[in-house]
All heavy atoms as atom14 arrays in JSON, in Angstrom:
{
  "sequence": "TAVYYCAAGSRIYFSSYVPRYEYEYAYWGQGTQ",
  "atom14_mask": [
    [1, 1, 1, 1, 1, 1, 1, 0, 0, 0, 0, 0, 0, 0],
    [1, 1, 1, 1, 1, 0, 0, 0, 0, 0, 0, 0, 0, 0],
    [1, 1, 1, 1, 1, 1, 1, 0, 0, 0, 0, 0, 0, 0],
    [1, 1, 1, 1, 1, 1, 1, 1, 1, 1, 1, 1, 0, 0],
    [1, 1, 1, 1, 1, 1, 1, 1, 1, 1, 1, 1, 0, 0],
    [1, 1, 1, 1, 1, 1, 0, 0, 0, 0, 0, 0, 0, 0],
    [1, 1, 1, 1, 1, 0, 0, 0, 0, 0, 0, 0, 0, 0],
    [1, 1, 1, 1, 1, 0, 0, 0, 0, 0, 0, 0, 0, 0],
    [1, 1, 1, 1, 0, 0, 0, 0, 0, 0, 0, 0, 0, 0],
    [1, 1, 1, 1, 1, 1, 0, 0, 0, 0, 0, 0, 0, 0],
    [1, 1, 1, 1, 1, 1, 1, 1, 1, 1, 1, 0, 0, 0],
    [1, 1, 1, 1, 1, 1, 1, 1, 0, 0, 0, 0, 0, 0],
    [1, 1, 1, 1, 1, 1, 1, 1, 1, 1, 1, 1, 0, 0],
    [1, 1, 1, 1, 1, 1, 1, 1, 1, 1, 1, 0, 0, 0],
    [1, 1, 1, 1, 1, 1, 0, 0, 0, 0, 0, 0, 0, 0],
    [1, 1, 1, 1, 1, 1, 0, 0, 0, 0, 0, 0, 0, 0],
    [1, 1, 1, 1, 1, 1, 1, 1, 1, 1, 1, 1, 0, 0],
    [1, 1, 1, 1, 1, 1, 1, 0, 0, 0, 0, 0, 0, 0],
    [1, 1, 1, 1, 1, 1, 1, 0, 0, 0, 0, 0, 0, 0],
    [1, 1, 1, 1, 1, 1, 1, 1, 1, 1, 1, 0, 0, 0],
    [1, 1, 1, 1, 1, 1, 1, 1, 1, 1, 1, 1, 0, 0],
    [1, 1, 1, 1, 1, 1, 1, 1, 1, 0, 0, 0, 0, 0],
    [1, 1, 1, 1, 1, 1, 1, 1, 1, 1, 1, 1, 0, 0],
    [1, 1, 1, 1, 1, 1, 1, 1, 1, 0, 0, 0, 0, 0],
    [1, 1, 1, 1, 1, 1, 1, 1, 1, 1, 1, 1, 0, 0],
    [1, 1, 1, 1, 1, 0, 0, 0, 0, 0, 0, 0, 0, 0],
    [1, 1, 1, 1, 1, 1, 1, 1, 1, 1, 1, 1, 0, 0],
    [1, 1, 1, 1, 1, 1, 1, 1, 1, 1, 1, 1, 1, 1],
    [1, 1, 1, 1, 0, 0, 0, 0, 0, 0, 0, 0, 0, 0],
    [1, 1, 1, 1, 1, 1, 1, 1, 1, 0, 0, 0, 0, 0],
    [1, 1, 1, 1, 0, 0, 0, 0, 0, 0, 0, 0, 0, 0],
    [1, 1, 1, 1, 1, 1, 1, 0, 0, 0, 0, 0, 0, 0],
    [1, 1, 1, 1, 1, 1, 1, 1, 1, 0, 0, 0, 0, 0]
  ],
  "atom14_positions": [
    [[2.58, 0.19, -18.59], [4.01, 0.39, -18.35], [4.23, 1.39, -17.23], [3.71, 2.51, -17.26], [4.69, 0.9, -19.64], [4.6, -0.1, -20.65], [6.15, 1.25, -19.39], [0.0, 0.0, 0.0], [0.0, 0.0, 0.0], [0.0, 0.0, 0.0], [0.0, 0.0, 0.0], [0.0, 0.0, 0.0], [0.0, 0.0, 0.0], [0.0, 0.0, 0.0]],
    [[4.99, 0.96, -16.24], [5.23, 1.79, -15.06], [6.17, 1.08, -14.11], [6.47, -0.11, -14.29], [3.91, 2.07, -14.33], [0.0, 0.0, 0.0], [0.0, 0.0, 0.0], [0.0, 0.0, 0.0], [0.0, 0.0, 0.0], [0.0, 0.0, 0.0], [0.0, 0.0, 0.0], [0.0, 0.0, 0.0], [0.0, 0.0, 0.0], [0.0, 0.0, 0.0]],
    [[6.61, 1.79, -13.1], [7.29, 1.16, -11.97], [6.2, 0.8, -10.97], [5.39, 1.64, -10.59], [8.31, 2.1, -11.32], [8.94, 1.43, -10.09], [9.39, 2.49, -12.33], [0.0, 0.0, 0.0], [0.0, 0.0, 0.0], [0.0, 0.0, 0.0], [0.0, 0.0, 0.0], [0.0, 0.0, 0.0], [0.0, 0.0, 0.0], [0.0, 0.0, 0.0]],
    [[6.19, -0.45, -10.58], [5.17, -0.96, -9.68], [5.75, -1.07, -8.27], [6.84, -1.65, -8.08], [4.65, -2.32, -10.13], [3.7, -2.19, -11.3], [4.15, -1.82, -12.57], [2.32, -2.41, -11.13], [3.28, -1.67, -13.62], [1.44, -2.28, -12.19], [1.92, -1.9, -13.43], [1.05, -1.75, -14.49], [0.0, 0.0, 0.0], [0.0, 0.0, 0.0]],
    [[5.03, -0.51, -7.3], [5.48, -0.49, -5.92], [4.55, -1.3, -5.04], [3.31, -1.2, -5.14], [5.51, 0.95, -5.38], [6.46, 1.85, -6.08], [6.08, 2.61, -7.18], [7.78, 1.96, -5.64], [6.96, 3.45, -7.82], [8.68, 2.81, -6.28], [8.25, 3.55, -7.38], [9.15, 4.39, -8.0], [0.0, 0.0, 0.0], [0.0, 0.0, 0.0]],
    [[5.13, -2.06, -4.16], [4.39, -2.77, -3.13], [4.35, -1.89, -1.89], [5.32, -1.17, -1.59], [5.09, -4.09, -2.82], [4.39, -5.01, -1.45], [0.0, 0.0, 0.0], [0.0, 0.0, 0.0], [0.0, 0.0, 0.0], [0.0, 0.0, 0.0], [0.0, 0.0, 0.0], [0.0, 0.0, 0.0], [0.0, 0.0, 0.0], [0.0, 0.0, 0.0]],
    [[3.23, -1.92, -1.18], [3.1, -1.09, 0.02], [2.37, -1.87, 1.11], [1.52, -2.72, 0.82], [2.35, 0.19, -0.31], [0.0, 0.0, 0.0], [0.0, 0.0, 0.0], [0.0, 0.0, 0.0], [0.0, 0.0, 0.0], [0.0, 0.0, 0.0], [0.0, 0.0, 0.0], [0.0, 0.0, 0.0], [0.0, 0.0, 0.0], [0.0, 0.0, 0.0]],
    [[2.7, -1.55, 2.35], [2.07, -2.2, 3.49], [1.54, -1.15, 4.45], [2.21, -0.14, 4.71], [3.06, -3.11, 4.2], [0.0, 0.0, 0.0], [0.0, 0.0, 0.0], [0.0, 0.0, 0.0], [0.0, 0.0, 0.0], [0.0, 0.0, 0.0], [0.0, 0.0, 0.0], [0.0, 0.0, 0.0], [0.0, 0.0, 0.0], [0.0, 0.0, 0.0]],
    [[0.37, -1.41, 4.97], [-0.24, -0.46, 5.91], [0.19, -0.73, 7.34], [0.83, -1.74, 7.63], [0.0, 0.0, 0.0], [0.0, 0.0, 0.0], [0.0, 0.0, 0.0], [0.0, 0.0, 0.0], [0.0, 0.0, 0.0], [0.0, 0.0, 0.0], [0.0, 0.0, 0.0], [0.0, 0.0, 0.0], [0.0, 0.0, 0.0], [0.0, 0.0, 0.0]],
    [[-0.19, 0.17, 8.21], [0.13, 0.0, 9.63], [-1.11, 0.04, 10.49], [-1.03, 0.19, 11.72], [1.1, 1.11, 10.07], [0.52, 2.38, 9.84], [0.0, 0.0, 0.0], [0.0, 0.0, 0.0], [0.0, 0.0, 0.0], [0.0, 0.0, 0.0], [0.0, 0.0, 0.0], [0.0, 0.0, 0.0], [0.0, 0.0, 0.0], [0.0, 0.0, 0.0]],
    [[-2.27, -0.08, 9.88], [-3.53, -0.02, 10.6], [-4.33, -1.29, 10.34], [-4.33, -1.81, 9.23], [-4.33, 1.19, 10.14], [-5.71, 1.28, 10.76], [-6.49, 2.45, 10.18], [-7.89, 2.4, 10.6], [-8.8, 3.28, 10.19], [-8.46, 4.28, 9.4], [-10.04, 3.16, 10.59], [0.0, 0.0, 0.0], [0.0, 0.0, 0.0], [0.0, 0.0, 0.0]],
    [[-4.98, -1.78, 11.38], [-5.82, -2.96, 11.26], [-7.23, -2.54, 10.89], [-7.8, -1.63, 11.48], [-5.85, -3.75, 12.57], [-4.43, -4.25, 12.91], [-6.82, -4.94, 12.45], [-4.34, -4.93, 14.25], [0.0, 0.0, 0.0], [0.0, 0.0, 0.0], [0.0, 0.0, 0.0], [0.0, 0.0, 0.0], [0.0, 0.0, 0.0], [0.0, 0.0, 0.0]],
    [[-7.8, -3.18, 9.89], [-9.17, -2.91, 9.46], [-10.03, -4.11, 9.81], [-9.78, -5.21, 9.34], [-9.22, -2.65, 7.95], [-8.45, -1.41, 7.53], [-7.12, -1.49, 7.16], [-9.07, -0.16, 7.54], [-6.42, -0.36, 6.78], [-8.38, 0.97, 7.15], [-7.05, 0.86, 6.79], [-6.36, 1.99, 6.42], [0.0, 0.0, 0.0], [0.0, 0.0, 0.0]],
    [[-11.03, -3.89, 10.63], [-11.92, -4.98, 11.03], [-13.12, -5.12, 10.11], [-13.88, -6.09, 10.19], [-12.38, -4.77, 12.48], [-11.26, -4.85, 13.45], [-10.72, -3.7, 14.03], [-10.69, -6.07, 13.81], [-9.67, -3.76, 14.93], [-9.63, -6.15, 14.7], [-9.13, -5.0, 15.27], [0.0, 0.0, 0.0], [0.0, 0.0, 0.0], [0.0, 0.0, 0.0]],
    [[-13.27, -4.16, 9.22], [-14.31, -4.27, 8.21], [-13.69, -4.84, 6.95], [-12.52, -5.26, 6.97], [-14.89, -2.88, 7.93], [-13.89, -2.06, 7.32], [0.0, 0.0, 0.0], [0.0, 0.0, 0.0], [0.0, 0.0, 0.0], [0.0, 0.0, 0.0], [0.0, 0.0, 0.0], [0.0, 0.0, 0.0], [0.0, 0.0, 0.0], [0.0, 0.0, 0.0]],
    [[-14.43, -4.85, 5.87], [-13.89, -5.38, 4.61], [-13.19, -4.28, 3.81], [-12.81, -4.52, 2.66], [-15.02, -6.0, 3.79], [-15.99, -5.0, 3.48], [0.0, 0.0, 0.0], [0.0, 0.0, 0.0], [0.0, 0.0, 0.0], [0.0, 0.0, 0.0], [0.0, 0.0, 0.0], [0.0, 0.0, 0.0], [0.0, 0.0, 0.0], [0.0, 0.0, 0.0]],
    [[-13.02, -3.13, 4.39], [-12.41, -2.02, 3.68], [-10.99, -2.38, 3.25], [-10.2, -2.94, 4.02], [-12.38, -0.77, 4.55], [-11.69, 0.42, 3.9], [-12.32, 1.13, 2.89], [-10.41, 0.8, 4.29], [-11.69, 2.2, 2.29], [-9.77, 1.87, 3.69], [-10.41, 2.56, 2.69], [-9.77, 3.62, 2.09], [0.0, 0.0, 0.0], [0.0, 0.0, 0.0]],
    [[-10.65, -1.97, 2.04], [-9.29, -2.15, 1.51], [-8.66, -0.78, 1.34], [-9.18, 0.05, 0.59], [-9.33, -2.87, 0.16], [-7.92, -3.0, -0.41], [-9.97, -4.25, 0.29], [0.0, 0.0, 0.0], [0.0, 0.0, 0.0], [0.0, 0.0, 0.0], [0.0, 0.0, 0.0], [0.0, 0.0, 0.0], [0.0, 0.0, 0.0], [0.0, 0.0, 0.0]],
    [[-7.57, -0.52, 2.01], [-6.91, 0.79, 1.87], [-6.48, 1.01, 0.43], [-5.98, 0.1, -0.24], [-5.72, 0.68, 2.83], [-5.5, -0.76, 3.06], [-6.85, -1.4, 2.92], [0.0, 0.0, 0.0], [0.0, 0.0, 0.0], [0.0, 0.0, 0.0], [0.0, 0.0, 0.0], [0.0, 0.0, 0.0], [0.0, 0.0, 0.0], [0.0, 0.0, 0.0]],
    [[-6.66, 2.27, -0.04], [-6.4, 2.54, -1.46], [-5.78, 3.91, -1.69], [-5.63, 4.32, -2.85], [-7.7, 2.44, -2.24], [-8.76, 3.46, -1.79], [-10.15, 3.01, -2.16], [-10.56, 1.82, -1.42], [-11.72, 1.26, -1.52], [-12.63, 1.76, -2.35], [-12.04, 0.18, -0.81], [0.0, 0.0, 0.0], [0.0, 0.0, 0.0], [0.0, 0.0, 0.0]],
    [[-5.38, 4.57, -0.62], [-4.73, 5.87, -0.74], [-3.33, 5.79, -0.17], [-3.06, 5.06, 0.77], [-5.55, 6.92, 0.0], [-6.97, 7.04, -0.51], [-8.03, 6.47, 0.2], [-7.24, 7.68, -1.7], [-9.33, 6.55, -0.27], [-8.54, 7.77, -2.18], [-9.58, 7.2, -1.47], [-10.86, 7.27, -1.95], [0.0, 0.0, 0.0], [0.0, 0.0, 0.0]],
    [[-2.43, 6.57, -0.74], [-1.03, 6.48, -0.34], [-0.85, 6.73, 1.16], [-0.04, 6.06, 1.79], [-0.19, 7.48, -1.14], [0.03, 7.09, -2.58], [1.12, 7.91, -3.25], [2.16, 8.16, -2.6], [0.94, 8.3, -4.39], [0.0, 0.0, 0.0], [0.0, 0.0, 0.0], [0.0, 0.0, 0.0], [0.0, 0.0, 0.0], [0.0, 0.0, 0.0]],
    [[-1.63, 7.66, 1.73], [-1.44, 7.99, 3.14], [-1.85, 6.84, 4.07], [-1.52, 6.84, 5.25], [-2.21, 9.26, 3.51], [-3.72, 9.13, 3.5], [-4.4, 8.62, 4.61], [-4.47, 9.51, 2.4], [-5.79, 8.5, 4.61], [-5.86, 9.4, 2.39], [-6.5, 8.89, 3.48], [-7.87, 8.77, 3.47], [0.0, 0.0, 0.0], [0.0, 0.0, 0.0]],
    [[-2.53, 5.86, 3.51], [-2.94, 4.71, 4.31], [-1.85, 3.63, 4.39], [-2.02, 2.63, 5.06], [-4.22, 4.1, 3.74], [-5.42, 5.05, 3.82], [-6.66, 4.46, 3.21], [-6.62, 4.05, 2.04], [-7.71, 4.43, 3.91], [0.0, 0.0, 0.0], [0.0, 0.0, 0.0], [0.0, 0.0, 0.0], [0.0, 0.0, 0.0], [0.0, 0.0, 0.0]],
    [[-0.76, 3.86, 3.69], [0.33, 2.9, 3.66], [1.58, 3.5, 4.29], [1.94, 4.63, 3.99], [0.61, 2.45, 2.23], [-0.5, 1.58, 1.66], [-1.59, 2.15, 1.01], [-0.45, 0.2, 1.81], [-2.61, 1.35, 0.51], [-1.46, -0.59, 1.31], [-2.53, -0.02, 0.67], [-3.55, -0.81, 0.18], [0.0, 0.0, 0.0], [0.0, 0.0, 0.0]],
    [[2.23, 2.72, 5.14], [3.37, 3.24, 5.89], [4.71, 2.76, 5.35], [5.74, 3.37, 5.61], [3.24, 2.84, 7.36], [0.0, 0.0, 0.0], [0.0, 0.0, 0.0], [0.0, 0.0, 0.0], [0.0, 0.0, 0.0], [0.0, 0.0, 0.0], [0.0, 0.0, 0.0], [0.0, 0.0, 0.0], [0.0, 0.0, 0.0], [0.0, 0.0, 0.0]],
    [[4.68, 1.64, 4.65], [5.94, 1.03, 4.19], [5.86, 0.8, 2.69], [4.82, 0.38, 2.17], [6.18, -0.29, 4.92], [6.11, -0.17, 6.42], [4.96, -0.54, 7.12], [7.18, 0.34, 7.16], [4.87, -0.42, 8.49], [7.09, 0.47, 8.53], [5.95, 0.09, 9.19], [5.88, 0.22, 10.55], [0.0, 0.0, 0.0], [0.0, 0.0, 0.0]],
    [[7.0, 1.02, 2.04], [7.04, 0.92, 0.59], [8.27, 0.14, 0.14], [9.34, 0.23, 0.75], [7.1, 2.32, -0.03], [5.86, 3.11, 0.22], [5.54, 3.82, 1.35], [4.73, 3.23, -0.65], [4.3, 4.38, 1.21], [3.78, 4.04, 0.0], [4.45, 2.76, -1.94], [2.55, 4.38, -0.59], [3.23, 3.09, -2.5], [2.3, 3.89, -1.84]],
    [[8.1, -0.61, -0.95], [9.22, -1.28, -1.57], [9.93, -0.34, -2.51], [9.55, 0.81, -2.69], [0.0, 0.0, 0.0], [0.0, 0.0, 0.0], [0.0, 0.0, 0.0], [0.0, 0.0, 0.0], [0.0, 0.0, 0.0], [0.0, 0.0, 0.0], [0.0, 0.0, 0.0], [0.0, 0.0, 0.0], [0.0, 0.0, 0.0], [0.0, 0.0, 0.0]],
    [[11.0, -0.85, -3.12], [11.83, -0.04, -4.03], [11.22, 0.05, -5.43], [11.6, 0.93, -6.21], [13.23, -0.64, -4.11], [14.0, -0.5, -2.81], [14.2, 0.93, -2.39], [14.66, 1.77, -3.16], [13.84, 1.25, -1.15], [0.0, 0.0, 0.0], [0.0, 0.0, 0.0], [0.0, 0.0, 0.0], [0.0, 0.0, 0.0], [0.0, 0.0, 0.0]],
    [[10.33, -0.82, -5.75], [9.7, -0.8, -7.06], [10.3, -1.77, -8.04], [11.48, -2.11, -7.95], [0.0, 0.0, 0.0], [0.0, 0.0, 0.0], [0.0, 0.0, 0.0], [0.0, 0.0, 0.0], [0.0, 0.0, 0.0], [0.0, 0.0, 0.0], [0.0, 0.0, 0.0], [0.0, 0.0, 0.0], [0.0, 0.0, 0.0], [0.0, 0.0, 0.0]],
    [[9.49, -2.21, -9.0], [9.97, -3.08, -10.06], [9.37, -2.57, -11.37], [8.21, -2.22, -11.44], [9.59, -4.55, -9.78], [10.16, -5.39, -10.8], [8.08, -4.78, -9.75], [0.0, 0.0, 0.0], [0.0, 0.0, 0.0], [0.0, 0.0, 0.0], [0.0, 0.0, 0.0], [0.0, 0.0, 0.0], [0.0, 0.0, 0.0], [0.0, 0.0, 0.0]],
    [[10.19, -2.55, -12.39], [9.77, -1.97, -13.69], [8.98, -3.0, -14.48], [9.41, -4.15, -14.64], [10.99, -1.54, -14.49], [10.67, -1.02, -15.89], [9.97, 0.32, -15.86], [10.38, 1.23, -15.13], [8.92, 0.46, -16.66], [0.0, 0.0, 0.0], [0.0, 0.0, 0.0], [0.0, 0.0, 0.0], [0.0, 0.0, 0.0], [0.0, 0.0, 0.0]]
  ]
}
């Protein structure tokens, strides 16, 4: 149970790395409960 937020990054990753820290995301949705 939580508010779930979608986020989008602003950096291109050429490796298989998946961003997983808040500072790696530049854009955020309003959230859905």
